[in-house]
N, C-alpha and C. Protein backbone atom coordinates (compact mmCIF):
# COMPACT_ATOMS: atom_id res chain seq x y z
N MET A 1 -74.48 91.77 -212.28
CA MET A 1 -73.53 92.77 -212.74
C MET A 1 -74.27 93.76 -213.63
N ASP A 2 -74.04 95.00 -213.44
CA ASP A 2 -74.65 96.06 -214.25
C ASP A 2 -73.67 96.41 -215.37
N ALA A 3 -74.07 96.14 -216.63
CA ALA A 3 -73.20 96.40 -217.77
C ALA A 3 -72.79 97.85 -217.86
N ALA A 4 -73.60 98.78 -217.36
CA ALA A 4 -73.28 100.20 -217.43
C ALA A 4 -72.05 100.51 -216.56
N GLU A 5 -71.82 99.74 -215.51
CA GLU A 5 -70.67 99.97 -214.64
C GLU A 5 -69.36 99.50 -215.26
N PHE A 6 -69.45 98.56 -216.19
CA PHE A 6 -68.26 97.97 -216.78
C PHE A 6 -68.34 98.00 -218.31
N PRO A 7 -68.10 99.17 -218.88
CA PRO A 7 -68.18 99.28 -220.34
C PRO A 7 -67.25 98.27 -221.02
N GLY A 8 -67.76 97.61 -222.04
CA GLY A 8 -66.95 96.63 -222.78
C GLY A 8 -67.01 95.24 -222.20
N ALA A 9 -67.57 95.08 -221.00
CA ALA A 9 -67.67 93.74 -220.41
C ALA A 9 -68.77 92.96 -221.10
N VAL A 10 -68.51 91.69 -221.33
CA VAL A 10 -69.51 90.81 -221.92
C VAL A 10 -70.30 90.19 -220.78
N VAL A 11 -71.61 90.40 -220.79
CA VAL A 11 -72.48 89.88 -219.75
C VAL A 11 -73.12 88.60 -220.25
N VAL A 12 -72.89 87.51 -219.53
CA VAL A 12 -73.50 86.23 -219.89
C VAL A 12 -74.72 86.05 -219.00
N PRO A 13 -75.91 86.00 -219.60
CA PRO A 13 -77.12 85.81 -218.78
C PRO A 13 -77.03 84.55 -217.95
N ALA A 14 -77.62 84.58 -216.75
CA ALA A 14 -77.57 83.41 -215.86
C ALA A 14 -78.21 82.19 -216.51
N ALA A 15 -79.20 82.40 -217.37
CA ALA A 15 -79.92 81.29 -218.01
C ALA A 15 -79.25 80.88 -219.33
N CYS A 16 -78.04 81.32 -219.59
CA CYS A 16 -77.37 81.00 -220.84
C CYS A 16 -77.00 79.51 -220.85
N PRO A 17 -77.50 78.76 -221.85
CA PRO A 17 -77.18 77.33 -221.91
C PRO A 17 -75.72 77.08 -222.27
N ALA A 18 -75.20 75.93 -221.89
CA ALA A 18 -73.79 75.60 -222.11
C ALA A 18 -73.43 75.60 -223.60
N TRP A 19 -74.39 75.33 -224.49
CA TRP A 19 -74.09 75.24 -225.92
C TRP A 19 -74.09 76.60 -226.62
N CYS A 20 -74.49 77.66 -225.92
CA CYS A 20 -74.59 78.99 -226.53
C CYS A 20 -73.22 79.58 -226.84
N VAL A 21 -73.04 80.07 -228.06
CA VAL A 21 -71.79 80.70 -228.45
C VAL A 21 -71.97 82.21 -228.69
N THR A 22 -73.14 82.74 -228.35
CA THR A 22 -73.43 84.15 -228.56
C THR A 22 -72.59 85.01 -227.61
N GLU A 23 -72.05 86.09 -228.13
CA GLU A 23 -71.32 87.06 -227.29
C GLU A 23 -72.34 88.05 -226.76
N HIS A 24 -72.91 87.73 -225.61
CA HIS A 24 -73.94 88.58 -225.02
C HIS A 24 -73.36 89.91 -224.55
N GLY A 25 -74.17 90.94 -224.60
CA GLY A 25 -73.76 92.26 -224.16
C GLY A 25 -73.29 93.17 -225.29
N LEU A 26 -73.14 92.61 -226.48
CA LEU A 26 -72.69 93.41 -227.64
C LEU A 26 -73.85 94.18 -228.24
N VAL A 27 -75.06 93.62 -228.12
CA VAL A 27 -76.27 94.24 -228.64
C VAL A 27 -77.24 94.39 -227.48
N LEU A 28 -77.83 95.54 -227.33
CA LEU A 28 -78.76 95.74 -226.23
C LEU A 28 -80.17 95.40 -226.66
N GLY A 29 -80.99 95.04 -225.71
CA GLY A 29 -82.40 94.81 -225.98
C GLY A 29 -82.71 93.35 -226.26
N GLU A 30 -83.79 93.19 -226.99
CA GLU A 30 -84.35 91.85 -227.26
C GLU A 30 -83.36 90.91 -227.94
N GLU A 31 -82.55 91.43 -228.83
CA GLU A 31 -81.58 90.58 -229.55
C GLU A 31 -80.58 89.92 -228.61
N ASP A 32 -80.29 90.55 -227.47
CA ASP A 32 -79.33 90.00 -226.53
C ASP A 32 -79.88 88.80 -225.79
N SER A 33 -81.19 88.56 -225.87
CA SER A 33 -81.78 87.42 -225.18
C SER A 33 -81.79 86.16 -226.03
N LEU A 34 -81.21 86.23 -227.23
CA LEU A 34 -81.13 85.08 -228.11
C LEU A 34 -79.89 84.27 -227.77
N HIS A 35 -80.08 82.96 -227.71
CA HIS A 35 -78.96 82.04 -227.48
C HIS A 35 -78.83 81.20 -228.77
N ILE A 36 -77.64 81.27 -229.37
CA ILE A 36 -77.39 80.60 -230.63
C ILE A 36 -76.22 79.64 -230.44
N GLY A 37 -76.37 78.41 -230.91
CA GLY A 37 -75.33 77.41 -230.83
C GLY A 37 -74.41 77.46 -232.05
N ALA A 38 -73.33 76.72 -231.98
CA ALA A 38 -72.39 76.64 -233.10
C ALA A 38 -73.09 76.02 -234.31
N ARG A 39 -72.73 76.54 -235.46
CA ARG A 39 -73.30 76.01 -236.71
C ARG A 39 -72.53 74.76 -237.13
N HIS A 40 -73.32 73.77 -237.59
CA HIS A 40 -72.75 72.52 -238.08
C HIS A 40 -73.20 72.36 -239.54
N ILE A 41 -72.25 72.19 -240.44
CA ILE A 41 -72.60 72.02 -241.85
C ILE A 41 -73.19 70.62 -242.03
N VAL A 42 -74.41 70.59 -242.55
CA VAL A 42 -75.11 69.33 -242.79
C VAL A 42 -74.71 68.78 -244.15
N HIS A 43 -74.76 69.65 -245.15
CA HIS A 43 -74.40 69.26 -246.50
C HIS A 43 -74.30 70.51 -247.35
N GLY A 44 -73.23 70.65 -248.08
CA GLY A 44 -73.08 71.82 -248.95
C GLY A 44 -73.16 73.11 -248.16
N ASP A 45 -74.17 73.92 -248.49
CA ASP A 45 -74.33 75.20 -247.79
C ASP A 45 -75.47 75.16 -246.77
N VAL A 46 -75.94 73.96 -246.42
CA VAL A 46 -77.00 73.80 -245.41
C VAL A 46 -76.36 73.58 -244.05
N ALA A 47 -76.71 74.45 -243.11
CA ALA A 47 -76.17 74.36 -241.75
C ALA A 47 -77.30 74.06 -240.76
N ALA A 48 -76.92 73.54 -239.60
CA ALA A 48 -77.87 73.29 -238.51
C ALA A 48 -77.27 73.86 -237.23
N TRP A 49 -78.14 74.38 -236.35
CA TRP A 49 -77.68 74.93 -235.08
C TRP A 49 -78.85 74.96 -234.10
N LEU A 50 -78.53 75.12 -232.82
CA LEU A 50 -79.54 75.28 -231.76
C LEU A 50 -79.79 76.75 -231.54
N CYS A 51 -81.03 77.08 -231.15
CA CYS A 51 -81.34 78.45 -230.77
C CYS A 51 -82.47 78.46 -229.75
N MET A 52 -82.51 79.48 -228.94
CA MET A 52 -83.61 79.69 -228.01
C MET A 52 -83.56 81.14 -227.54
N SER A 53 -84.66 81.59 -226.94
CA SER A 53 -84.68 82.96 -226.41
C SER A 53 -85.28 82.93 -225.01
N THR A 54 -84.92 83.93 -224.25
CA THR A 54 -85.45 84.12 -222.91
C THR A 54 -85.93 85.56 -222.81
N ASP A 55 -87.22 85.76 -222.47
CA ASP A 55 -87.72 87.13 -222.42
C ASP A 55 -87.38 87.78 -221.06
N ALA A 56 -87.74 89.02 -220.91
CA ALA A 56 -87.40 89.79 -219.70
C ALA A 56 -87.97 89.17 -218.43
N ASP A 57 -89.06 88.41 -218.57
CA ASP A 57 -89.67 87.76 -217.40
C ASP A 57 -89.10 86.38 -217.14
N GLY A 58 -88.10 85.95 -217.94
CA GLY A 58 -87.47 84.66 -217.77
C GLY A 58 -88.17 83.52 -218.48
N VAL A 59 -89.17 83.85 -219.32
CA VAL A 59 -89.88 82.81 -220.06
C VAL A 59 -89.01 82.36 -221.23
N VAL A 60 -88.78 81.05 -221.30
CA VAL A 60 -87.89 80.48 -222.33
C VAL A 60 -88.72 79.98 -223.50
N ASP A 61 -88.26 80.31 -224.70
CA ASP A 61 -88.87 79.80 -225.94
C ASP A 61 -87.80 78.97 -226.65
N GLY A 62 -87.97 77.65 -226.60
CA GLY A 62 -86.98 76.76 -227.20
C GLY A 62 -86.40 75.84 -226.16
N PRO A 63 -85.33 75.18 -226.46
CA PRO A 63 -84.52 75.36 -227.64
C PRO A 63 -85.14 74.70 -228.88
N TYR A 64 -84.70 75.19 -230.01
CA TYR A 64 -85.10 74.66 -231.32
C TYR A 64 -83.85 74.27 -232.08
N VAL A 65 -84.00 73.36 -233.02
CA VAL A 65 -82.95 73.00 -233.96
C VAL A 65 -83.32 73.65 -235.29
N VAL A 66 -82.44 74.47 -235.81
CA VAL A 66 -82.67 75.11 -237.11
C VAL A 66 -81.81 74.39 -238.13
N VAL A 67 -82.44 73.92 -239.20
CA VAL A 67 -81.74 73.27 -240.30
C VAL A 67 -82.11 74.06 -241.55
N GLY A 68 -81.11 74.72 -242.11
CA GLY A 68 -81.37 75.61 -243.25
C GLY A 68 -82.32 76.70 -242.82
N ASP A 69 -83.50 76.76 -243.43
CA ASP A 69 -84.50 77.78 -243.09
C ASP A 69 -85.63 77.24 -242.24
N THR A 70 -85.51 75.99 -241.78
CA THR A 70 -86.60 75.35 -241.05
C THR A 70 -86.25 75.17 -239.59
N GLU A 71 -87.21 75.51 -238.73
CA GLU A 71 -87.03 75.42 -237.26
C GLU A 71 -87.82 74.22 -236.75
N TYR A 72 -87.15 73.34 -235.98
CA TYR A 72 -87.77 72.15 -235.42
C TYR A 72 -87.71 72.18 -233.90
N THR A 73 -88.74 71.67 -233.24
CA THR A 73 -88.61 71.44 -231.79
C THR A 73 -87.61 70.30 -231.63
N LEU A 74 -87.16 70.08 -230.41
CA LEU A 74 -86.21 68.99 -230.18
C LEU A 74 -86.82 67.65 -230.55
N ASP A 75 -88.09 67.45 -230.21
CA ASP A 75 -88.76 66.19 -230.54
C ASP A 75 -88.88 66.02 -232.06
N GLU A 76 -89.20 67.09 -232.76
CA GLU A 76 -89.29 67.04 -234.22
C GLU A 76 -87.93 66.72 -234.85
N ALA A 77 -86.88 67.33 -234.31
CA ALA A 77 -85.53 67.09 -234.84
C ALA A 77 -85.13 65.64 -234.60
N ARG A 78 -85.43 65.11 -233.40
CA ARG A 78 -85.13 63.69 -233.13
C ARG A 78 -85.88 62.79 -234.11
N ALA A 79 -87.17 63.06 -234.31
CA ALA A 79 -87.99 62.25 -235.21
C ALA A 79 -87.42 62.31 -236.63
N LEU A 80 -87.00 63.49 -237.06
CA LEU A 80 -86.40 63.64 -238.39
C LEU A 80 -85.12 62.81 -238.48
N GLY A 81 -84.29 62.87 -237.47
CA GLY A 81 -83.05 62.10 -237.45
C GLY A 81 -83.31 60.61 -237.52
N VAL A 82 -84.26 60.12 -236.71
CA VAL A 82 -84.62 58.70 -236.71
C VAL A 82 -85.13 58.29 -238.09
N SER A 83 -85.97 59.12 -238.69
CA SER A 83 -86.51 58.82 -240.02
C SER A 83 -85.42 58.77 -241.07
N LEU A 84 -84.48 59.70 -241.02
CA LEU A 84 -83.39 59.72 -241.99
C LEU A 84 -82.50 58.48 -241.83
N ILE A 85 -82.22 58.11 -240.59
CA ILE A 85 -81.42 56.91 -240.36
C ILE A 85 -82.14 55.67 -240.87
N ALA A 86 -83.45 55.58 -240.60
CA ALA A 86 -84.23 54.44 -241.09
C ALA A 86 -84.21 54.39 -242.63
N LEU A 87 -84.32 55.52 -243.26
CA LEU A 87 -84.27 55.57 -244.73
C LEU A 87 -82.93 55.04 -245.26
N THR A 88 -81.85 55.50 -244.66
CA THR A 88 -80.54 55.08 -245.13
C THR A 88 -80.28 53.62 -244.84
N GLU A 89 -80.70 53.13 -243.70
CA GLU A 89 -80.51 51.71 -243.37
C GLU A 89 -81.35 50.83 -244.29
N GLY A 90 -82.57 51.25 -244.57
CA GLY A 90 -83.42 50.51 -245.48
C GLY A 90 -82.86 50.48 -246.88
N ALA A 91 -82.34 51.58 -247.35
CA ALA A 91 -81.76 51.65 -248.69
C ALA A 91 -80.49 50.79 -248.77
N GLY A 92 -79.70 50.81 -247.70
CA GLY A 92 -78.47 50.03 -247.68
C GLY A 92 -78.74 48.52 -247.70
N SER A 93 -79.77 48.07 -246.97
CA SER A 93 -80.07 46.63 -246.94
C SER A 93 -80.67 46.18 -248.27
N ARG A 94 -81.42 47.02 -248.92
CA ARG A 94 -81.98 46.67 -250.25
C ARG A 94 -80.87 46.62 -251.31
N ALA A 95 -79.94 47.55 -251.22
CA ALA A 95 -78.83 47.56 -252.18
C ALA A 95 -77.96 46.31 -251.99
N ALA A 96 -77.75 45.89 -250.76
CA ALA A 96 -76.94 44.70 -250.46
C ALA A 96 -77.64 43.45 -250.98
N ALA A 97 -78.97 43.41 -250.84
CA ALA A 97 -79.74 42.25 -251.28
C ALA A 97 -79.71 42.12 -252.80
N LYS A 98 -79.64 43.26 -253.53
CA LYS A 98 -79.60 43.24 -254.98
C LYS A 98 -78.20 42.87 -255.49
N GLY A 99 -77.18 43.21 -254.70
CA GLY A 99 -75.80 43.06 -255.13
C GLY A 99 -75.32 41.67 -255.02
């Protein structure tokens, strides 16, 4: 579909992932190739979301998990999650042993 033929129409790129909530077609150029997922509040004012981009040649960069100001690859985000769970489980078992 040619956006010029249908003014006001939102164009969803064919490579748009299912998790993308970006309203494509509102901004022209490079910014329109960004795919941004819904924000999830992690704690307080810290949010996490998915993002990726696709250039004009179809080359994909991402997806990445952004937490606050830090960008993680999917593998890095999984490793962080596993480490955080291990920390909390270890702390919980030590607290139970003391109690």
